[in-house]
Amino acid sequence: MLLKKQKYYPVSRLHALPDNHNYVDDGCDISPSCLNCKFSQCKYDDKKNKIIDRNKRINLKINEGFSIREISNMFNLSTRTVRRIIDTGLNKKNTNYKLIDTKNIAKVIIKPRKPFPPINA
């Protein structure tokens, strides 16, 4: 049985675009060109930004008067997910960060112990 000899490519080559590929740099609403963007992190790299944007659009559709079923079909989500997004506003875990006062962090993290019950002999 003959085994095919696998070609070795460096990691950078494995993730590169194929040869003769015409890349169109459309950019986004922040920068007209992705390759000349002034930001270090792209808005399309972070999934949280996509989810936050989706939740905002869902809330706008609700304000426009669309039904939950129509919205679930538009965004390809279940009605339960749409209801959860509506109930939580703009998804509390992504928008309402609690700021912790570092001066009193010991009081927040370390809770005092409850006293032991008395021993009856």
PDB file of N, CA and C in Angstrom:
ATOM      1  N   MET A   1       0.839  -1.170   0.000  1.00  0.00           N
ATOM      2  CA  MET A   1       0.000   0.000   0.000  1.00  0.00           C
ATOM      3  C   MET A   1       0.892   1.243   0.000  1.00  0.00           C
ATOM      4  N   LEU A   2       0.640   2.132  -0.919  1.00  0.00           N
ATOM      5  CA  LEU A   2       1.420   3.353  -1.030  1.00  0.00           C
ATOM      6  C   LEU A   2       0.720   4.482  -0.280  1.00  0.00           C
ATOM      7  N   LEU A   3       1.480   5.185   0.484  1.00  0.00           N
ATOM      8  CA  LEU A   3       0.939   6.346   1.188  1.00  0.00           C
ATOM      9  C   LEU A   3       1.296   7.605   0.415  1.00  0.00           C
ATOM     10  N   LYS A   4       0.325   8.491   0.311  1.00  0.00           N
ATOM     11  CA  LYS A   4       0.608   9.761  -0.349  1.00  0.00           C
ATOM     12  C   LYS A   4       1.476  10.608   0.568  1.00  0.00           C
ATOM     13  N   LYS A   5       2.441  11.216  -0.021  1.00  0.00           N
ATOM     14  CA  LYS A   5       3.304  12.086   0.755  1.00  0.00           C
ATOM     15  C   LYS A   5       2.599  13.434   0.916  1.00  0.00           C
ATOM     16  N   GLN A   6       2.402  13.826   2.165  1.00  0.00           N
ATOM     17  CA  GLN A   6       1.715  15.084   2.421  1.00  0.00           C
ATOM     18  C   GLN A   6       2.669  16.246   2.205  1.00  0.00           C
ATOM     19  N   LYS A   7       2.123  17.291   1.624  1.00  0.00           N
ATOM     20  CA  LYS A   7       2.920  18.491   1.429  1.00  0.00           C
ATOM     21  C   LYS A   7       2.937  19.274   2.731  1.00  0.00           C
ATOM     22  N   TYR A   8       4.073  19.808   3.042  1.00  0.00           N
ATOM     23  CA  TYR A   8       4.203  20.629   4.246  1.00  0.00           C
ATOM     24  C   TYR A   8       4.136  22.099   3.847  1.00  0.00           C
ATOM     25  N   TYR A   9       3.197  22.790   4.442  1.00  0.00           N
ATOM     26  CA  TYR A   9       3.095  24.227   4.240  1.00  0.00           C
ATOM     27  C   TYR A   9       3.243  24.908   5.593  1.00  0.00           C
ATOM     28  N   PRO A  10       3.940  26.016   5.651  1.00  0.00           N
ATOM     29  CA  PRO A  10       3.990  26.746   6.920  1.00  0.00           C
ATOM     30  C   PRO A  10       2.595  27.255   7.288  1.00  0.00           C
ATOM     31  N   VAL A  11       2.398  27.526   8.557  1.00  0.00           N
ATOM     32  CA  VAL A  11       1.080  27.929   9.047  1.00  0.00           C
ATOM     33  C   VAL A  11       0.583  29.176   8.335  1.00  0.00           C
ATOM     34  N   SER A  12       1.461  30.128   8.079  1.00  0.00           N
ATOM     35  CA  SER A  12       1.036  31.359   7.411  1.00  0.00           C
ATOM     36  C   SER A  12       0.515  31.065   6.006  1.00  0.00           C
ATOM     37  N   ARG A  13       1.052  30.053   5.367  1.00  0.00           N
ATOM     38  CA  ARG A  13       0.602  29.687   4.020  1.00  0.00           C
ATOM     39  C   ARG A  13      -0.764  29.003   4.066  1.00  0.00           C
ATOM     40  N   LEU A  14      -1.031  28.249   5.125  1.00  0.00           N
ATOM     41  CA  LEU A  14      -2.310  27.548   5.220  1.00  0.00           C
ATOM     42  C   LEU A  14      -3.480  28.512   5.329  1.00  0.00           C
ATOM     43  N   HIS A  15      -3.270  29.652   5.963  1.00  0.00           N
ATOM     44  CA  HIS A  15      -4.348  30.607   6.169  1.00  0.00           C
ATOM     45  C   HIS A  15      -4.366  31.719   5.129  1.00  0.00           C
ATOM     46  N   ALA A  16      -3.509  31.636   4.149  1.00  0.00           N
ATOM     47  CA  ALA A  16      -3.438  32.669   3.129  1.00  0.00           C
ATOM     48  C   ALA A  16      -4.542  32.465   2.093  1.00  0.00           C
ATOM     49  N   LEU A  17      -4.844  33.521   1.380  1.00  0.00           N
ATOM     50  CA  LEU A  17      -5.816  33.419   0.300  1.00  0.00           C
ATOM     51  C   LEU A  17      -5.211  32.618  -0.849  1.00  0.00           C
ATOM     52  N   PRO A  18      -6.045  31.938  -1.629  1.00  0.00           N
ATOM     53  CA  PRO A  18      -5.506  31.197  -2.770  1.00  0.00           C
ATOM     54  C   PRO A  18      -4.891  32.145  -3.798  1.00  0.00           C
ATOM     55  N   ASP A  19      -4.000  31.589  -4.605  1.00  0.00           N
ATOM     56  CA  ASP A  19      -3.351  32.404  -5.627  1.00  0.00           C
ATOM     57  C   ASP A  19      -4.382  32.911  -6.626  1.00  0.00           C
ATOM     58  N   ASN A  20      -4.089  34.054  -7.199  1.00  0.00           N
ATOM     59  CA  ASN A  20      -4.949  34.696  -8.192  1.00  0.00           C
ATOM     60  C   ASN A  20      -6.348  34.990  -7.648  1.00  0.00           C
ATOM     61  N   HIS A  21      -6.423  35.347  -6.387  1.00  0.00           N
ATOM     62  CA  HIS A  21      -7.707  35.686  -5.784  1.00  0.00           C
ATOM     63  C   HIS A  21      -7.844  37.203  -5.775  1.00  0.00           C
ATOM     64  N   ASN A  22      -8.936  37.679  -6.312  1.00  0.00           N
ATOM     65  CA  ASN A  22      -9.173  39.119  -6.356  1.00  0.00           C
ATOM     66  C   ASN A  22      -9.880  39.549  -5.078  1.00  0.00           C
ATOM     67  N   TYR A  23      -9.135  40.122  -4.157  1.00  0.00           N
ATOM     68  CA  TYR A  23      -9.686  40.573  -2.880  1.00  0.00           C
ATOM     69  C   TYR A  23     -10.209  41.993  -3.034  1.00  0.00           C
ATOM     70  N   VAL A  24     -11.475  42.184  -2.707  1.00  0.00           N
ATOM     71  CA  VAL A  24     -12.080  43.507  -2.775  1.00  0.00           C
ATOM     72  C   VAL A  24     -12.176  44.041  -1.350  1.00  0.00           C
ATOM     73  N   ASP A  25     -11.496  45.129  -1.091  1.00  0.00           N
ATOM     74  CA  ASP A  25     -11.478  45.726   0.243  1.00  0.00           C
ATOM     75  C   ASP A  25     -12.589  46.765   0.334  1.00  0.00           C
ATOM     76  N   ASP A  26     -13.756  46.327   0.841  1.00  0.00           N
ATOM     77  CA  ASP A  26     -14.912  47.223   0.934  1.00  0.00           C
ATOM     78  C   ASP A  26     -14.903  48.069   2.196  1.00  0.00           C
ATOM     79  N   GLY A  27     -14.218  47.606   3.228  1.00  0.00           N
ATOM     80  CA  GLY A  27     -14.206  48.335   4.486  1.00  0.00           C
ATOM     81  C   GLY A  27     -15.511  48.149   5.239  1.00  0.00           C
ATOM     82  N   CYS A  28     -15.856  49.130   6.060  1.00  0.00           N
ATOM     83  CA  CYS A  28     -17.096  49.070   6.839  1.00  0.00           C
ATOM     84  C   CYS A  28     -17.582  50.495   7.063  1.00  0.00           C
ATOM     85  N   ASP A  29     -18.526  50.663   7.999  1.00  0.00           N
ATOM     86  CA  ASP A  29     -19.042  52.005   8.256  1.00  0.00           C
ATOM     87  C   ASP A  29     -18.045  52.881   9.017  1.00  0.00           C
ATOM     88  N   ILE A  30     -17.013  52.275   9.594  1.00  0.00           N
ATOM     89  CA  ILE A  30     -16.011  53.035  10.349  1.00  0.00           C
ATOM     90  C   ILE A  30     -14.872  53.494   9.445  1.00  0.00           C
ATOM     91  N   SER A  31     -14.410  52.597   8.580  1.00  0.00           N
ATOM     92  CA  SER A  31     -13.274  52.903   7.718  1.00  0.00           C
ATOM     93  C   SER A  31     -13.582  52.436   6.294  1.00  0.00           C
ATOM     94  N   PRO A  32     -13.232  53.231   5.282  1.00  0.00           N
ATOM     95  CA  PRO A  32     -13.517  52.816   3.903  1.00  0.00           C
ATOM     96  C   PRO A  32     -12.648  51.655   3.422  1.00  0.00           C
ATOM     97  N   SER A  33     -11.540  51.396   4.109  1.00  0.00           N
ATOM     98  CA  SER A  33     -10.642  50.323   3.714  1.00  0.00           C
ATOM     99  C   SER A  33     -10.193  49.546   4.944  1.00  0.00           C
ATOM    100  N   CYS A  34     -10.351  48.224   4.921  1.00  0.00           N
ATOM    101  CA  CYS A  34      -9.926  47.391   6.055  1.00  0.00           C
ATOM    102  C   CYS A  34      -8.412  47.417   6.229  1.00  0.00           C
ATOM    103  N   LEU A  35      -7.683  47.454   5.119  1.00  0.00           N
ATOM    104  CA  LEU A  35      -6.227  47.396   5.187  1.00  0.00           C
ATOM    105  C   LEU A  35      -5.613  48.693   5.704  1.00  0.00           C
ATOM    106  N   ASN A  36      -6.348  49.792   5.612  1.00  0.00           N
ATOM    107  CA  ASN A  36      -5.853  51.079   6.097  1.00  0.00           C
ATOM    108  C   ASN A  36      -6.629  51.570   7.315  1.00  0.00           C
ATOM    109  N   CYS A  37      -7.271  50.666   8.025  1.00  0.00           N
ATOM    110  CA  CYS A  37      -8.087  51.045   9.176  1.00  0.00           C
ATOM    111  C   CYS A  37      -7.197  51.502  10.328  1.00  0.00           C
ATOM    112  N   LYS A  38      -7.660  52.535  11.058  1.00  0.00           N
ATOM    113  CA  LYS A  38      -6.856  53.079  12.153  1.00  0.00           C
ATOM    114  C   LYS A  38      -7.038  52.311  13.457  1.00  0.00           C
ATOM    115  N   PHE A  39      -8.035  51.429  13.534  1.00  0.00           N
ATOM    116  CA  PHE A  39      -8.282  50.675  14.756  1.00  0.00           C
ATOM    117  C   PHE A  39      -7.518  49.357  14.743  1.00  0.00           C
ATOM    118  N   SER A  40      -7.084  48.933  15.918  1.00  0.00           N
ATOM    119  CA  SER A  40      -6.308  47.697  16.002  1.00  0.00           C
ATOM    120  C   SER A  40      -7.200  46.462  15.996  1.00  0.00           C
ATOM    121  N   GLN A  41      -8.434  46.589  16.495  1.00  0.00           N
ATOM    122  CA  GLN A  41      -9.350  45.448  16.524  1.00  0.00           C
ATOM    123  C   GLN A  41     -10.549  45.742  15.632  1.00  0.00           C
ATOM    124  N   CYS A  42     -10.815  44.828  14.732  1.00  0.00           N
ATOM    125  CA  CYS A  42     -11.916  44.998  13.789  1.00  0.00           C
ATOM    126  C   CYS A  42     -13.246  44.739  14.477  1.00  0.00           C
ATOM    127  N   LYS A  43     -14.262  45.475  14.083  1.00  0.00           N
ATOM    128  CA  LYS A  43     -15.569  45.281  14.705  1.00  0.00           C
ATOM    129  C   LYS A  43     -16.187  43.951  14.294  1.00  0.00           C
ATOM    130  N   TYR A  44     -15.727  43.379  13.195  1.00  0.00           N
ATOM    131  CA  TYR A  44     -16.260  42.095  12.752  1.00  0.00           C
ATOM    132  C   TYR A  44     -15.585  40.911  13.446  1.00  0.00           C
ATOM    133  N   ASP A  45     -14.484  41.140  14.154  1.00  0.00           N
ATOM    134  CA  ASP A  45     -13.785  40.052  14.830  1.00  0.00           C
ATOM    135  C   ASP A  45     -14.475  39.609  16.107  1.00  0.00           C
ATOM    136  N   ASP A  46     -15.152  40.508  16.783  1.00  0.00           N
ATOM    137  CA  ASP A  46     -15.746  40.217  18.082  1.00  0.00           C
ATOM    138  C   ASP A  46     -17.207  39.824  17.913  1.00  0.00           C
ATOM    139  N   LYS A  47     -17.568  38.616  18.351  1.00  0.00           N
ATOM    140  CA  LYS A  47     -18.944  38.146  18.207  1.00  0.00           C
ATOM    141  C   LYS A  47     -19.918  38.922  19.080  1.00  0.00           C
ATOM    142  N   LYS A  48     -19.427  39.455  20.194  1.00  0.00           N
ATOM    143  CA  LYS A  48     -20.313  40.210  21.074  1.00  0.00           C
ATOM    144  C   LYS A  48     -20.886  41.421  20.360  1.00  0.00           C
ATOM    145  N   ASN A  49     -20.052  42.080  19.544  1.00  0.00           N
ATOM    146  CA  ASN A  49     -20.543  43.246  18.817  1.00  0.00           C
ATOM    147  C   ASN A  49     -21.650  42.862  17.850  1.00  0.00           C
ATOM    148  N   LYS A  50     -21.517  41.706  17.217  1.00  0.00           N
ATOM    149  CA  LYS A  50     -22.563  41.253  16.306  1.00  0.00           C
ATOM    150  C   LYS A  50     -23.856  40.981  17.055  1.00  0.00           C
ATOM    151  N   ILE A  51     -23.741  40.358  18.229  1.00  0.00           N
ATOM    152  CA  ILE A  51     -24.928  40.034  19.016  1.00  0.00           C
ATOM    153  C   ILE A  51     -25.581  41.306  19.538  1.00  0.00           C
ATOM    154  N   ILE A  52     -24.779  42.256  20.004  1.00  0.00           N
ATOM    155  CA  ILE A  52     -25.331  43.521  20.493  1.00  0.00           C
ATOM    156  C   ILE A  52     -26.041  44.256  19.367  1.00  0.00           C
ATOM    157  N   ASP A  53     -25.429  44.279  18.185  1.00  0.00           N
ATOM    158  CA  ASP A  53     -26.046  44.941  17.036  1.00  0.00           C
ATOM    159  C   ASP A  53     -27.348  44.245  16.646  1.00  0.00           C
ATOM    160  N   ARG A  54     -27.343  42.917  16.648  1.00  0.00           N
ATOM    161  CA  ARG A  54     -28.561  42.166  16.337  1.00  0.00           C
ATOM    162  C   ARG A  54     -29.662  42.477  17.339  1.00  0.00           C
ATOM    163  N   ASN A  55     -29.313  42.529  18.623  1.00  0.00           N
ATOM    164  CA  ASN A  55     -30.308  42.814  19.651  1.00  0.00           C
ATOM    165  C   ASN A  55     -30.883  44.218  19.502  1.00  0.00           C
ATOM    166  N   LYS A  56     -30.049  45.176  19.122  1.00  0.00           N
ATOM    167  CA  LYS A  56     -30.543  46.537  18.889  1.00  0.00           C
ATOM    168  C   LYS A  56     -31.529  46.559  17.727  1.00  0.00           C
ATOM    169  N   ARG A  57     -31.182  45.836  16.651  1.00  0.00           N
ATOM    170  CA  ARG A  57     -32.085  45.807  15.497  1.00  0.00           C
ATOM    171  C   ARG A  57     -33.401  45.121  15.835  1.00  0.00           C
ATOM    172  N   ILE A  58     -33.350  44.080  16.679  1.00  0.00           N
ATOM    173  CA  ILE A  58     -34.579  43.399  17.089  1.00  0.00           C
ATOM    174  C   ILE A  58     -35.451  44.344  17.901  1.00  0.00           C
ATOM    175  N   ASN A  59     -34.857  45.096  18.812  1.00  0.00           N
ATOM    176  CA  ASN A  59     -35.634  46.055  19.603  1.00  0.00           C
ATOM    177  C   ASN A  59     -36.216  47.163  18.733  1.00  0.00           C
ATOM    178  N   LEU A  60     -35.484  47.581  17.697  1.00  0.00           N
ATOM    179  CA  LEU A  60     -36.033  48.575  16.774  1.00  0.00           C
ATOM    180  C   LEU A  60     -37.229  48.018  16.010  1.00  0.00           C
ATOM    181  N   LYS A  61     -37.132  46.753  15.606  1.00  0.00           N
ATOM    182  CA  LYS A  61     -38.256  46.132  14.891  1.00  0.00           C
ATOM    183  C   LYS A  61     -39.491  46.032  15.786  1.00  0.00           C
ATOM    184  N   ILE A  62     -39.289  45.744  17.062  1.00  0.00           N
ATOM    185  CA  ILE A  62     -40.418  45.693  18.000  1.00  0.00           C
ATOM    186  C   ILE A  62     -41.060  47.069  18.115  1.00  0.00           C
ATOM    187  N   ASN A  63     -40.225  48.122  18.195  1.00  0.00           N
ATOM    188  CA  ASN A  63     -40.753  49.485  18.284  1.00  0.00           C
ATOM    189  C   ASN A  63     -41.488  49.894  17.015  1.00  0.00           C
ATOM    190  N   GLU A  64     -41.097  49.314  15.874  1.00  0.00           N
ATOM    191  CA  GLU A  64     -41.779  49.603  14.611  1.00  0.00           C
ATOM    192  C   GLU A  64     -43.101  48.858  14.492  1.00  0.00           C
ATOM    193  N   GLY A  65     -43.334  47.874  15.363  1.00  0.00           N
ATOM    194  CA  GLY A  65     -44.621  47.194  15.378  1.00  0.00           C
ATOM    195  C   GLY A  65     -44.630  45.798  14.776  1.00  0.00           C
ATOM    196  N   PHE A  66     -43.470  45.223  14.508  1.00  0.00           N
ATOM    197  CA  PHE A  66     -43.427  43.866  13.974  1.00  0.00           C
ATOM    198  C   PHE A  66     -43.762  42.869  15.077  1.00  0.00           C
ATOM    199  N   SER A  67     -44.339  41.737  14.690  1.00  0.00           N
ATOM    200  CA  SER A  67     -44.659  40.703  15.677  1.00  0.00           C
ATOM    201  C   SER A  67     -43.414  39.865  15.973  1.00  0.00           C
ATOM    202  N   ILE A  68     -43.483  39.116  17.059  1.00  0.00           N
ATOM    203  CA  ILE A  68     -42.342  38.286  17.465  1.00  0.00           C
ATOM    204  C   ILE A  68     -42.070  37.209  16.426  1.00  0.00           C
ATOM    205  N   ARG A  69     -43.118  36.651  15.862  1.00  0.00           N
ATOM    206  CA  ARG A  69     -42.944  35.614  14.840  1.00  0.00           C
ATOM    207  C   ARG A  69     -42.282  36.180  13.585  1.00  0.00           C
ATOM    208  N   GLU A  70     -42.685  37.385  13.173  1.00  0.00           N
ATOM    209  CA  GLU A  70     -42.066  38.012  11.997  1.00  0.00           C
ATOM    210  C   GLU A  70     -40.576  38.281  12.242  1.00  0.00           C
ATOM    211  N   ILE A  71     -40.262  38.761  13.430  1.00  0.00           N
ATOM    212  CA  ILE A  71     -38.860  39.050  13.759  1.00  0.00           C
ATOM    213  C   ILE A  71     -38.042  37.766  13.809  1.00  0.00           C
ATOM    214  N   SER A  72     -38.621  36.707  14.377  1.00  0.00           N
ATOM    215  CA  SER A  72     -37.880  35.442  14.442  1.00  0.00           C
ATOM    216  C   SER A  72     -37.599  34.903  13.047  1.00  0.00           C
ATOM    217  N   ASN A  73     -38.510  35.115  12.106  1.00  0.00           N
ATOM    218  CA  ASN A  73     -38.268  34.690  10.725  1.00  0.00           C
ATOM    219  C   ASN A  73     -37.228  35.574  10.040  1.00  0.00           C
ATOM    220  N   MET A  74     -37.245  36.880  10.333  1.00  0.00           N
ATOM    221  CA  MET A  74     -36.273  37.803   9.720  1.00  0.00           C
ATOM    222  C   MET A  74     -34.841  37.469  10.127  1.00  0.00           C
ATOM    223  N   PHE A  75     -34.644  37.196  11.414  1.00  0.00           N
ATOM    224  CA  PHE A  75     -33.303  36.990  11.951  1.00  0.00           C
ATOM    225  C   PHE A  75     -32.934  35.517  12.079  1.00  0.00           C
ATOM    226  N   ASN A  76     -33.832  34.634  11.663  1.00  0.00           N
ATOM    227  CA  ASN A  76     -33.602  33.191  11.721  1.00  0.00           C
ATOM    228  C   ASN A  76     -33.305  32.741  13.158  1.00  0.00           C
ATOM    229  N   LEU A  77     -34.147  33.207  14.084  1.00  0.00           N
ATOM    230  CA  LEU A  77     -34.033  32.859  15.496  1.00  0.00           C
ATOM    231  C   LEU A  77     -35.333  32.214  15.948  1.00  0.00           C
ATOM    232  N   SER A  78     -35.280  31.561  17.092  1.00  0.00           N
ATOM    233  CA  SER A  78     -36.509  31.019  17.659  1.00  0.00           C
ATOM    234  C   SER A  78     -37.283  32.153  18.328  1.00  0.00           C
ATOM    235  N   THR A  79     -38.589  31.946  18.481  1.00  0.00           N
ATOM    236  CA  THR A  79     -39.407  32.968  19.136  1.00  0.00           C
ATOM    237  C   THR A  79     -38.989  33.133  20.595  1.00  0.00           C
ATOM    238  N   ARG A  80     -38.513  32.060  21.192  1.00  0.00           N
ATOM    239  CA  ARG A  80     -38.056  32.138  22.586  1.00  0.00           C
ATOM    240  C   ARG A  80     -36.853  33.076  22.717  1.00  0.00           C
ATOM    241  N   THR A  81     -35.915  32.983  21.775  1.00  0.00           N
ATOM    242  CA  THR A  81     -34.745  33.859  21.806  1.00  0.00           C
ATOM    243  C   THR A  81     -35.155  35.314  21.629  1.00  0.00           C
ATOM    244  N   VAL A  82     -36.092  35.561  20.719  1.00  0.00           N
ATOM    245  CA  VAL A  82     -36.563  36.931  20.494  1.00  0.00           C
ATOM    246  C   VAL A  82     -37.235  37.469  21.752  1.00  0.00           C
ATOM    247  N   ARG A  83     -38.045  36.651  22.399  1.00  0.00           N
ATOM    248  CA  ARG A  83     -38.703  37.085  23.642  1.00  0.00           C
ATOM    249  C   ARG A  83     -37.677  37.397  24.729  1.00  0.00           C
ATOM    250  N   ARG A  84     -36.640  36.575  24.819  1.00  0.00           N
ATOM    251  CA  ARG A  84     -35.611  36.797  25.830  1.00  0.00           C
ATOM    252  C   ARG A  84     -34.878  38.116  25.576  1.00  0.00           C
ATOM    253  N   ILE A  85     -34.602  38.419  24.317  1.00  0.00           N
ATOM    254  CA  ILE A  85     -33.924  39.671  23.975  1.00  0.00           C
ATOM    255  C   ILE A  85     -34.807  40.863  24.314  1.00  0.00           C
ATOM    256  N   ILE A  86     -36.091  40.746  24.026  1.00  0.00           N
ATOM    257  CA  ILE A  86     -37.022  41.832  24.323  1.00  0.00           C
ATOM    258  C   ILE A  86     -37.157  42.028  25.827  1.00  0.00           C
ATOM    259  N   ASP A  87     -37.237  40.936  26.573  1.00  0.00           N
ATOM    260  CA  ASP A  87     -37.401  41.032  28.027  1.00  0.00           C
ATOM    261  C   ASP A  87     -36.195  41.658  28.705  1.00  0.00           C
ATOM    262  N   THR A  88     -35.014  41.389  28.186  1.00  0.00           N
ATOM    263  CA  THR A  88     -33.805  41.920  28.821  1.00  0.00           C
ATOM    264  C   THR A  88     -33.380  43.253  28.233  1.00  0.00           C
ATOM    265  N   GLY A  89     -34.165  43.828  27.372  1.00  0.00           N
ATOM    266  CA  GLY A  89     -33.786  45.107  26.771  1.00  0.00           C
ATOM    267  C   GLY A  89     -32.736  44.879  25.716  1.00  0.00           C
ATOM    268  N   LEU A  90     -31.541  45.340  25.966  1.00  0.00           N
ATOM    269  CA  LEU A  90     -30.440  45.143  25.018  1.00  0.00           C
ATOM    270  C   LEU A  90     -29.446  44.128  25.531  1.00  0.00           C
ATOM    271  N   ASN A  91     -29.929  43.099  26.155  1.00  0.00           N
ATOM    272  CA  ASN A  91     -29.078  42.028  26.655  1.00  0.00           C
ATOM    273  C   ASN A  91     -28.150  42.562  27.748  1.00  0.00           C
ATOM    274  N   LYS A  92     -28.631  42.521  28.977  1.00  0.00           N
ATOM    275  CA  LYS A  92     -27.968  43.163  30.114  1.00  0.00           C
ATOM    276  C   LYS A  92     -26.506  42.786  30.272  1.00  0.00           C
ATOM    277  N   LYS A  93     -26.156  41.537  30.008  1.00  0.00           N
ATOM    278  CA  LYS A  93     -24.768  41.140  30.248  1.00  0.00           C
ATOM    279  C   LYS A  93     -23.799  41.808  29.284  1.00  0.00           C
ATOM    280  N   ASN A  94     -24.294  42.318  28.152  1.00  0.00           N
ATOM    281  CA  ASN A  94     -23.402  42.963  27.199  1.00  0.00           C
ATOM    282  C   ASN A  94     -23.388  44.485  27.322  1.00  0.00           C
ATOM    283  N   THR A  95     -24.414  45.077  27.941  1.00  0.00           N
ATOM    284  CA  THR A  95     -24.487  46.528  27.945  1.00  0.00           C
ATOM    285  C   THR A  95     -24.401  47.151  29.325  1.00  0.00           C
ATOM    286  N   ASN A  96     -24.809  46.462  30.356  1.00  0.00           N
ATOM    287  CA  ASN A  96     -24.831  47.047  31.690  1.00  0.00           C
ATOM    288  C   ASN A  96     -23.720  46.453  32.553  1.00  0.00           C
ATOM    289  N   TYR A  97     -22.515  46.897  32.325  1.00  0.00           N
ATOM    290  CA  TYR A  97     -21.414  46.402  33.132  1.00  0.00           C
ATOM    291  C   TYR A  97     -21.457  47.078  34.497  1.00  0.00           C
ATOM    292  N   LYS A  98     -21.280  46.302  35.552  1.00  0.00           N
ATOM    293  CA  LYS A  98     -21.221  46.875  36.891  1.00  0.00           C
ATOM    294  C   LYS A  98     -19.778  47.258  37.178  1.00  0.00           C
ATOM    295  N   LEU A  99     -19.584  48.489  37.580  1.00  0.00           N
ATOM    296  CA  LEU A  99     -18.252  48.934  37.949  1.00  0.00           C
ATOM    297  C   LEU A  99     -18.061  48.681  39.435  1.00  0.00           C
ATOM    298  N   ILE A 100     -16.964  48.035  39.776  1.00  0.00           N
ATOM    299  CA  ILE A 100     -16.681  47.707  41.167  1.00  0.00           C
ATOM    300  C   ILE A 100     -15.713  48.740  41.722  1.00  0.00           C
ATOM    301  N   ASP A 101     -16.055  49.282  42.863  1.00  0.00           N
ATOM    302  CA  ASP A 101     -15.188  50.233  43.540  1.00  0.00           C
ATOM    303  C   ASP A 101     -14.000  49.464  44.116  1.00  0.00           C
ATOM    304  N   THR A 102     -12.809  49.734  43.622  1.00  0.00           N
ATOM    305  CA  THR A 102     -11.640  48.960  44.051  1.00  0.00           C
ATOM    306  C   THR A 102     -11.229  49.266  45.483  1.00  0.00           C
ATOM    307  N   LYS A 103     -11.650  50.406  46.014  1.00  0.00           N
ATOM    308  CA  LYS A 103     -11.303  50.733  47.398  1.00  0.00           C
ATOM    309  C   LYS A 103     -12.023  49.805  48.370  1.00  0.00           C
ATOM    310  N   ASN A 104     -13.236  49.427  48.026  1.00  0.00           N
ATOM    311  CA  ASN A 104     -14.038  48.589  48.914  1.00  0.00           C
ATOM    312  C   ASN A 104     -14.190  47.169  48.379  1.00  0.00           C
ATOM    313  N   ILE A 105     -13.234  46.726  47.593  1.00  0.00           N
ATOM    314  CA  ILE A 105     -13.367  45.413  46.960  1.00  0.00           C
ATOM    315  C   ILE A 105     -13.332  44.278  47.982  1.00  0.00           C
ATOM    316  N   ALA A 106     -12.605  44.464  49.071  1.00  0.00           N
ATOM    317  CA  ALA A 106     -12.552  43.421  50.100  1.00  0.00           C
ATOM    318  C   ALA A 106     -13.926  43.207  50.724  1.00  0.00           C
ATOM    319  N   LYS A 107     -14.676  44.285  50.896  1.00  0.00           N
ATOM    320  CA  LYS A 107     -16.026  44.163  51.463  1.00  0.00           C
ATOM    321  C   LYS A 107     -16.971  43.455  50.497  1.00  0.00           C
ATOM    322  N   VAL A 108     -16.746  43.659  49.210  1.00  0.00           N
ATOM    323  CA  VAL A 108     -17.618  43.046  48.207  1.00  0.00           C
ATOM    324  C   VAL A 108     -17.312  41.561  48.063  1.00  0.00           C
ATOM    325  N   ILE A 109     -16.036  41.212  48.036  1.00  0.00           N
ATOM    326  CA  ILE A 109     -15.646  39.828  47.774  1.00  0.00           C
ATOM    327  C   ILE A 109     -15.690  38.975  49.036  1.00  0.00           C
ATOM    328  N   ILE A 110     -15.107  39.488  50.116  1.00  0.00           N
ATOM    329  CA  ILE A 110     -15.008  38.699  51.347  1.00  0.00           C
ATOM    330  C   ILE A 110     -16.204  39.017  52.229  1.00  0.00           C
ATOM    331  N   LYS A 111     -17.020  38.024  52.429  1.00  0.00           N
ATOM    332  CA  LYS A 111     -18.202  38.212  53.263  1.00  0.00           C
ATOM    333  C   LYS A 111     -17.895  37.709  54.669  1.00  0.00           C
ATOM    334  N   PRO A 112     -18.396  38.404  55.690  1.00  0.00           N
ATOM    335  CA  PRO A 112     -18.126  37.952  57.059  1.00  0.00           C
ATOM    336  C   PRO A 112     -18.811  36.621  57.339  1.00  0.00           C
ATOM    337  N   ARG A 113     -18.154  35.816  58.143  1.00  0.00           N
ATOM    338  CA  ARG A 113     -18.715  34.514  58.499  1.00  0.00           C
ATOM    339  C   ARG A 113     -19.857  34.677  59.483  1.00  0.00           C
ATOM    340  N   LYS A 114     -20.774  33.766  59.386  1.00  0.00           N
ATOM    341  CA  LYS A 114     -21.838  33.709  60.381  1.00  0.00           C
ATOM    342  C   LYS A 114     -21.269  33.013  61.615  1.00  0.00           C
ATOM    343  N   PRO A 115     -21.650  33.451  62.793  1.00  0.00           N
ATOM    344  CA  PRO A 115     -21.113  32.797  63.991  1.00  0.00           C
ATOM    345  C   PRO A 115     -21.630  31.368  64.102  1.00  0.00           C
ATOM    346  N   PHE A 116     -20.791  30.521  64.671  1.00  0.00           N
ATOM    347  CA  PHE A 116     -21.195  29.135  64.880  1.00  0.00           C
ATOM    348  C   PHE A 116     -22.309  29.076  65.926  1.00  0.00           C
ATOM    349  N   PRO A 117     -23.186  28.116  65.812  1.00  0.00           N
ATOM    350  CA  PRO A 117     -24.234  27.992  66.830  1.00  0.00           C
ATOM    351  C   PRO A 117     -23.622  27.565  68.162  1.00  0.00           C
ATOM    352  N   PRO A 118     -24.243  27.942  69.265  1.00  0.00           N
ATOM    353  CA  PRO A 118     -23.683  27.569  70.566  1.00  0.00           C
ATOM    354  C   PRO A 118     -23.736  26.064  70.772  1.00  0.00           C
ATOM    355  N   ILE A 119     -22.734  25.559  71.476  1.00  0.00           N
ATOM    356  CA  ILE A 119     -22.665  24.123  71.763  1.00  0.00           C
ATOM    357  C   ILE A 119     -23.350  23.879  73.099  1.00  0.00           C
ATOM    358  N   ASN A 120     -24.356  23.061  73.070  1.00  0.00           N
ATOM    359  CA  ASN A 120     -25.062  22.697  74.306  1.00  0.00           C
ATOM    360  C   ASN A 120     -24.530  21.359  74.788  1.00  0.00           C
ATOM    361  N   ALA A 121     -23.905  21.376  75.948  1.00  0.00           N
ATOM    362  CA  ALA A 121     -23.318  20.147  76.470  1.00  0.00           C
ATOM    363  C   ALA A 121     -24.230  19.399  77.390  1.00  0.00           C
TER     364      ALA A 121
END
